[in-house]
Amino acid sequence: MPTPQPAPPPEARAHLPPPDRHHQLGDTLAFYGVLTVLAATFLGWSLIAFILSFILPPRIGHPLGRRSIGKGFRFLLRLMERSGLVELDLSALDTLRDARGLVLAPNHLSRIDVMLIVSRVPDTVCIMKAGLEANPALGGARLAGYIPNDSGLSVIRRAAEALRGGANLLVFPEGTRTPDGRLGPFHPGFALIARRARAPVQPVLIESNTNYLGKGWPIWRRPDFPLRYRVRLCDPVTVQGHAEAFAESLRRQHAAALGTQLR
């Protein structure tokens, strides 16, 4: 089991400043402009990728799909930065640029979490809701070889194969976004996958000053700006002992490092 690392005392931990611009016209125009670019980019590539997923063999299509999604997310985040809507500290993720075969295990605040990680960590596979792979609007995920969570054993097998093939796997152990900032239970599936693939688990700590795109927040509802996101890493750990005990120990390590409560 991972050894919990002590968190710095609350007074020593630098919190992200809250948004301090409210209802400014420039922010509103930039926000809906970015959403328009996001929709056009997402739908345009998804339809192309959906067709390519039936034409290209996986050995070509999967790497192409993952690179395209990573570059697309990076472009959108850079656009949001230049428009002054977000401030990002993702330098910790840049240390994983050459990483292969890692199980990335972050806490889950909002839908933006996927963008933050996939934009920086190459060749990353995600697990998605079963049935979505048949949706042309999500053709990019299909082309990238994202894994539908149709059944437990199938997910574990396919995810382990992707890890052994050199891909990184992004799994949110909580399984859903945190509604109140507290850390929810960690489901042990990520630990079972890591143990089967003999892959290290990389704990990822995501911090933010906003609930935008958290549970119940629609994408078109304007938040206050700037949105701030910071990502930190703990030391990688290997799965030892029972998967349930490992998952709970890792959850407590996350909570200690984030300075948050357990749910």
Protein backbone atom coordinates (compact mmCIF):
# COMPACT_ATOMS: atom_id res chain seq x y z
CA MET A 1 0.00 0.00 0.00
CA PRO A 2 1.21 3.54 -0.60
CA THR A 3 2.73 5.37 2.30
CA PRO A 4 0.74 8.57 2.95
CA GLN A 5 2.92 11.65 2.64
CA PRO A 6 2.31 14.38 5.22
CA ALA A 7 0.69 17.51 3.84
CA PRO A 8 2.19 20.89 4.67
CA PRO A 9 0.40 22.77 7.44
CA PRO A 10 -2.63 24.78 6.22
CA GLU A 11 -0.87 28.11 6.73
CA ALA A 12 2.03 26.96 4.52
CA ARG A 13 -0.14 25.76 1.65
CA ALA A 14 -0.66 28.39 -1.06
CA HIS A 15 -4.34 28.43 -1.98
CA LEU A 16 -5.45 29.54 -5.41
CA PRO A 17 -6.93 33.06 -5.27
CA PRO A 18 -10.69 33.17 -6.00
CA PRO A 19 -12.05 34.72 -9.20
CA ASP A 20 -12.03 38.50 -8.90
CA ARG A 21 -13.73 39.63 -12.14
CA HIS A 22 -17.52 39.52 -12.12
CA HIS A 23 -19.77 39.96 -15.17
CA GLN A 24 -17.32 41.95 -17.29
CA LEU A 25 -18.47 42.28 -20.90
CA GLY A 26 -15.04 41.38 -22.32
CA ASP A 27 -14.96 38.15 -20.33
CA THR A 28 -18.47 37.25 -21.47
CA LEU A 29 -17.61 37.77 -25.15
CA ALA A 30 -14.37 35.79 -24.80
CA PHE A 31 -16.14 32.98 -22.94
CA TYR A 32 -18.83 32.42 -25.55
CA GLY A 33 -16.27 32.88 -28.31
CA VAL A 34 -14.17 30.07 -26.85
CA LEU A 35 -17.26 27.87 -26.53
CA THR A 36 -18.01 28.46 -30.21
CA VAL A 37 -14.48 27.45 -31.20
CA LEU A 38 -14.71 24.42 -28.90
CA ALA A 39 -17.99 23.26 -30.44
CA ALA A 40 -16.78 23.72 -34.01
CA THR A 41 -13.44 22.00 -33.36
CA PHE A 42 -14.97 19.15 -31.37
CA LEU A 43 -17.78 18.32 -33.78
CA GLY A 44 -15.66 18.80 -36.91
CA TRP A 45 -12.88 16.48 -35.76
CA SER A 46 -15.32 13.98 -34.23
CA LEU A 47 -17.11 13.40 -37.53
CA ILE A 48 -13.83 13.00 -39.42
CA ALA A 49 -12.41 10.72 -36.73
CA PHE A 50 -15.58 8.59 -36.68
CA ILE A 51 -15.09 7.81 -40.38
CA LEU A 52 -11.36 7.21 -39.95
CA SER A 53 -12.04 4.74 -37.12
CA PHE A 54 -13.60 2.36 -39.68
CA ILE A 55 -10.82 2.86 -42.23
CA LEU A 56 -7.55 2.93 -40.30
CA PRO A 57 -6.20 -0.12 -38.46
CA PRO A 58 -5.84 0.37 -34.68
CA ARG A 59 -2.04 0.45 -34.84
CA ILE A 60 -2.35 3.65 -36.93
CA GLY A 61 -5.70 5.05 -35.81
CA HIS A 62 -5.19 4.87 -32.05
CA PRO A 63 -1.92 6.88 -31.92
CA LEU A 64 -3.33 9.37 -34.44
CA GLY A 65 -6.49 9.81 -32.41
CA ARG A 66 -4.64 10.31 -29.12
CA ARG A 67 -2.19 12.81 -30.58
CA SER A 68 -5.03 14.75 -32.18
CA ILE A 69 -7.03 14.95 -28.95
CA GLY A 70 -3.96 16.02 -26.98
CA LYS A 71 -3.08 18.76 -29.46
CA GLY A 72 -6.70 19.90 -29.65
CA PHE A 73 -6.98 20.21 -25.87
CA ARG A 74 -3.66 22.05 -25.74
CA PHE A 75 -4.85 24.51 -28.39
CA LEU A 76 -8.11 25.19 -26.53
CA LEU A 77 -6.38 25.69 -23.18
CA ARG A 78 -3.87 28.06 -24.78
CA LEU A 79 -6.75 29.99 -26.35
CA MET A 80 -8.43 30.28 -22.95
CA GLU A 81 -5.15 31.47 -21.40
CA ARG A 82 -4.56 34.12 -24.06
CA SER A 83 -8.11 35.37 -23.70
CA GLY A 84 -7.47 35.86 -19.97
CA LEU A 85 -10.14 33.38 -18.91
CA VAL A 86 -7.85 30.85 -17.20
CA GLU A 87 -4.51 30.72 -15.40
CA LEU A 88 -2.79 27.34 -15.52
CA ASP A 89 0.07 25.77 -13.58
CA LEU A 90 0.56 22.42 -15.32
CA SER A 91 4.35 22.30 -15.18
CA ALA A 92 4.27 19.13 -13.04
CA LEU A 93 2.57 17.27 -15.88
CA ASP A 94 5.34 18.25 -18.28
CA THR A 95 7.65 15.93 -16.34
CA LEU A 96 5.51 13.03 -17.63
CA ARG A 97 6.04 13.91 -21.28
CA ASP A 98 8.15 10.80 -21.85
CA ALA A 99 6.17 8.56 -19.49
CA ARG A 100 4.74 5.31 -20.78
CA GLY A 101 2.63 2.65 -19.10
CA LEU A 102 1.42 4.79 -16.17
CA VAL A 103 -1.97 4.63 -14.48
CA LEU A 104 -2.82 8.28 -13.86
CA ALA A 105 -5.10 8.57 -10.82
CA PRO A 106 -6.35 12.14 -10.20
CA ASN A 107 -9.09 13.55 -8.02
CA HIS A 108 -12.07 14.69 -10.09
CA LEU A 109 -13.33 18.27 -9.79
CA SER A 110 -14.81 19.00 -13.22
CA ARG A 111 -14.97 18.02 -16.88
CA ILE A 112 -11.91 20.18 -17.52
CA ASP A 113 -9.75 17.69 -15.59
CA VAL A 114 -9.49 15.46 -18.67
CA MET A 115 -8.35 18.39 -20.81
CA LEU A 116 -5.67 19.40 -18.31
CA ILE A 117 -4.07 15.96 -18.20
CA VAL A 118 -4.49 14.75 -21.78
CA SER A 119 -3.14 18.07 -23.12
CA ARG A 120 0.20 17.42 -21.41
CA VAL A 121 0.63 13.64 -21.09
CA PRO A 122 1.00 11.98 -24.50
CA ASP A 123 -0.57 8.71 -25.65
CA THR A 124 -3.20 8.71 -22.91
CA VAL A 125 -6.18 6.36 -23.01
CA CYS A 126 -9.38 7.13 -21.10
CA ILE A 127 -12.26 4.94 -19.95
CA MET A 128 -15.63 6.22 -21.16
CA LYS A 129 -19.28 5.36 -20.65
CA ALA A 130 -20.39 2.31 -22.63
CA GLY A 131 -22.40 3.09 -25.77
CA LEU A 132 -20.74 6.43 -26.44
CA GLU A 133 -18.23 4.82 -28.78
CA ALA A 134 -21.07 4.40 -31.31
CA ASN A 135 -21.91 8.12 -31.23
CA PRO A 136 -20.47 10.01 -34.24
CA ALA A 137 -20.23 13.13 -32.05
CA LEU A 138 -17.58 11.27 -30.03
CA GLY A 139 -15.69 9.85 -32.98
CA GLY A 140 -12.40 11.22 -31.65
CA ALA A 141 -12.64 8.98 -28.60
CA ARG A 142 -13.47 5.98 -30.79
CA LEU A 143 -10.49 6.61 -33.08
CA ALA A 144 -8.19 7.06 -30.05
CA GLY A 145 -9.17 3.63 -28.73
CA TYR A 146 -10.81 4.87 -25.54
CA ILE A 147 -12.21 1.98 -23.54
CA PRO A 148 -15.99 1.67 -22.89
CA ASN A 149 -16.88 0.54 -19.37
CA ASP A 150 -19.26 -2.13 -20.63
CA SER A 151 -18.19 -4.84 -18.18
CA GLY A 152 -15.65 -5.05 -15.39
CA LEU A 153 -13.50 -7.90 -16.70
CA SER A 154 -13.44 -6.57 -20.26
CA VAL A 155 -12.39 -3.11 -19.07
CA ILE A 156 -9.60 -4.52 -16.90
CA ARG A 157 -8.32 -6.71 -19.74
CA ARG A 158 -8.39 -3.99 -22.41
CA ALA A 159 -6.91 -1.36 -20.12
CA ALA A 160 -4.08 -3.69 -19.08
CA GLU A 161 -3.36 -4.43 -22.75
CA ALA A 162 -3.16 -0.70 -23.51
CA LEU A 163 -0.73 -0.19 -20.62
CA ARG A 164 1.46 -3.09 -21.68
CA GLY A 165 1.46 -1.59 -25.18
CA GLY A 166 3.02 1.61 -23.82
CA ALA A 167 -0.04 3.83 -23.47
CA ASN A 168 -0.85 5.77 -20.31
CA LEU A 169 -4.25 5.20 -18.72
CA LEU A 170 -6.30 8.00 -17.18
CA VAL A 171 -8.71 6.76 -14.49
CA PHE A 172 -10.62 8.85 -11.97
CA PRO A 173 -10.78 6.57 -8.92
CA GLU A 174 -13.82 8.43 -7.53
CA GLY A 175 -15.72 7.51 -10.70
CA THR A 176 -17.59 10.81 -10.74
CA ARG A 177 -17.01 14.50 -10.15
CA THR A 178 -16.86 15.74 -6.57
CA PRO A 179 -19.99 17.82 -5.82
CA ASP A 180 -18.74 19.56 -2.66
CA GLY A 181 -14.94 19.59 -2.81
CA ARG A 182 -14.57 16.64 -0.46
CA LEU A 183 -12.84 13.50 -1.70
CA GLY A 184 -15.22 10.63 -2.45
CA PRO A 185 -14.54 6.89 -2.11
CA PHE A 186 -11.93 5.43 -4.47
CA HIS A 187 -13.23 2.46 -6.43
CA PRO A 188 -10.59 -0.31 -6.61
CA GLY A 189 -10.87 -0.94 -10.37
CA PHE A 190 -7.84 1.23 -11.19
CA ALA A 191 -5.76 -0.80 -8.73
CA LEU A 192 -6.88 -4.09 -10.31
CA ILE A 193 -5.89 -2.76 -13.74
CA ALA A 194 -2.50 -1.56 -12.51
CA ARG A 195 -1.77 -4.87 -10.79
CA ARG A 196 -2.72 -6.91 -13.83
CA ALA A 197 -0.54 -4.76 -16.11
CA ARG A 198 2.23 -4.47 -13.48
CA ALA A 199 2.04 -0.73 -14.01
CA PRO A 200 2.85 2.01 -11.48
CA VAL A 201 0.08 4.29 -10.26
CA GLN A 202 0.80 8.00 -10.58
CA PRO A 203 -1.26 10.04 -8.08
CA VAL A 204 -2.32 13.38 -9.59
CA LEU A 205 -3.58 16.29 -7.47
CA ILE A 206 -5.86 18.82 -9.21
CA GLU A 207 -6.66 22.11 -7.48
CA SER A 208 -8.94 24.91 -8.65
CA ASN A 209 -10.64 28.07 -7.46
CA THR A 210 -13.94 27.38 -9.26
CA ASN A 211 -16.74 24.83 -9.53
CA TYR A 212 -17.15 25.45 -13.27
CA LEU A 213 -18.13 22.23 -15.08
CA GLY A 214 -18.44 20.47 -11.76
CA LYS A 215 -21.43 18.26 -11.10
CA GLY A 216 -24.61 20.01 -12.24
CA TRP A 217 -22.85 22.96 -13.93
CA PRO A 218 -23.72 23.16 -17.67
CA ILE A 219 -20.98 24.20 -20.07
CA TRP A 220 -22.84 27.32 -21.28
CA ARG A 221 -23.36 28.81 -17.81
CA ARG A 222 -20.80 31.60 -17.41
CA PRO A 223 -18.54 31.50 -14.32
CA ASP A 224 -16.55 34.34 -12.80
CA PHE A 225 -12.99 34.76 -14.03
CA PRO A 226 -10.15 34.04 -14.06
CA LEU A 227 -10.44 30.29 -13.58
CA ARG A 228 -7.28 28.94 -11.96
CA TYR A 229 -6.03 25.35 -12.15
CA ARG A 230 -2.94 23.79 -10.64
CA VAL A 231 -1.73 20.19 -10.94
CA ARG A 232 0.75 18.53 -8.60
CA LEU A 233 2.15 15.00 -8.48
CA CYS A 234 2.93 12.59 -5.67
CA ASP A 235 5.51 9.82 -6.02
CA PRO A 236 4.38 6.86 -8.17
CA VAL A 237 3.34 3.77 -6.20
CA THR A 238 2.89 0.09 -6.99
CA VAL A 239 -0.18 -1.87 -6.01
CA GLN A 240 0.41 -4.12 -3.01
CA GLY A 241 -2.07 -6.11 -0.95
CA HIS A 242 -5.81 -6.01 -1.52
CA ALA A 243 -7.03 -3.57 -4.15
CA GLU A 244 -9.67 -2.14 -1.80
CA ALA A 245 -7.12 -1.40 0.93
CA PHE A 246 -4.72 0.11 -1.60
CA ALA A 247 -7.45 2.37 -3.01
CA GLU A 248 -8.45 3.61 0.44
CA SER A 249 -4.84 4.26 1.43
CA LEU A 250 -4.27 6.23 -1.78
CA ARG A 251 -7.45 8.22 -1.15
CA ARG A 252 -6.17 9.26 2.27
CA GLN A 253 -2.83 10.25 0.73
CA HIS A 254 -4.70 12.40 -1.79
CA ALA A 255 -6.76 14.04 0.94
CA ALA A 256 -3.70 14.79 3.05
CA ALA A 257 -1.78 16.30 0.14
CA LEU A 258 -4.77 18.37 -0.99
CA GLY A 259 -5.73 19.42 2.53
CA THR A 260 -9.33 18.36 1.93
CA GLN A 261 -11.84 16.23 3.81
CA LEU A 262 -13.06 12.74 3.00
CA ARG A 263 -16.64 12.14 2.05
